[in-house]
Amino acid sequence: MSCNAENLAAKVTECQTVLKNIDENEKNFREKVTETEKLICERAEELKQMIDVQKQSLLEQLSVSRDQQLKQTISVHEEIERYKIVLENFVRYSNEVKEKGTANEVVKLAGKLNGRAQELQKFNVDTDLTNDYKITEVNFTSLQTDDDLKLAFGNVAIDVHGM
């Protein structure tokens, strides 16, 4: 019986050693999990900041392009409007001279009016007024897929093995 008691006492000591090892492993595991959580959160913040900087840069580029296109469009639009008003006024004046002018006035102004009409007709709206006008196209493409983003973020390696 004494021999069995000694053997069993040794088993108790063995159990205590194994429990101590398990507790130490659990403590180390919890510390590693906490450290890994911190690293994941830090990486996420870094990526968020990089994304915010890139987003702001792209939005600024887009804004500059939008403003340039708007200025260009307004400028060309105003030029065409002015030319249209010149044409409308010329047509109105020519019709008034024809309808209300004396024969002498019509004969006197006909040459000048025809010459001016020829000048106005030579003017090509598409090329002469819009030669500085550029059409801007905007596209956004992302070169990364969701899988690429997961790879850029990182992975957690979990290795489960026996004692």
Foldseek 3Di string as FASTA:
>chain_A
DVVVVVVVVVVVVVVVVVVVVVVVVVVVVVVVVVVVVVVLVVLVVVVVVVVVVVVVVVVVVVVVVVVVLVVLVVQLVVVVVVLVVVVVVLVVVLVCCVPPNDPVSCVVCVVVSVVVVVVSVVDDSVCNSCVVRDDDDDDDDDPDDPVNVDVVSHDDDDDDDDD
